Amino acid sequence: QVQLVESGGGLVQAGGSLRLSCAASGRTFSGSAMGWFRQAPGKLREFVAAISRNGGSIYYADSVKGRFTISRDNTKNTSYLQMNSLTPEDTAVYYCAARLSPLEWGAGYQNEYVYWGQGTQVTVSS
């Protein structure tokens, strides 16, 4: 069992940065790949980024590649999403999620993620 709590969301101007954190409790964090997803108003939840158990494999959605960086610290049971050069199109509720299956099975497949956080709101003003 893994419990996930996101933090770090807020209001930022376009071009600004935010760092989201996902704190995990439970024994299986280091054994879980981690992902970040987001859901904008009126839209389906979409994949943002994912990182493997040891951080050796990382995947990004094309829309955030070069601007967002996912990382993890297994000693702190925490995953991070550094978001730079934010635009209003990045406005969404951001969720972190954990999975036990390899990312090679499909990093963006939401059904592979077993545990989900409650989400944190990110609003980017123009």
Foldseek 3Di string as FASTA:
>chain_A
DKAWAKDFADEAAAQAKIKMKIAIDDDCLLLWKKFKWWDDPPGDIWGAKIAHSVRPDIDGDPVQPPFWDWDDDVVRRMIMIIGGRDDQVPWTWMKMFIANDDCVVPVTDPVRTDYIYPTDTHGYHD
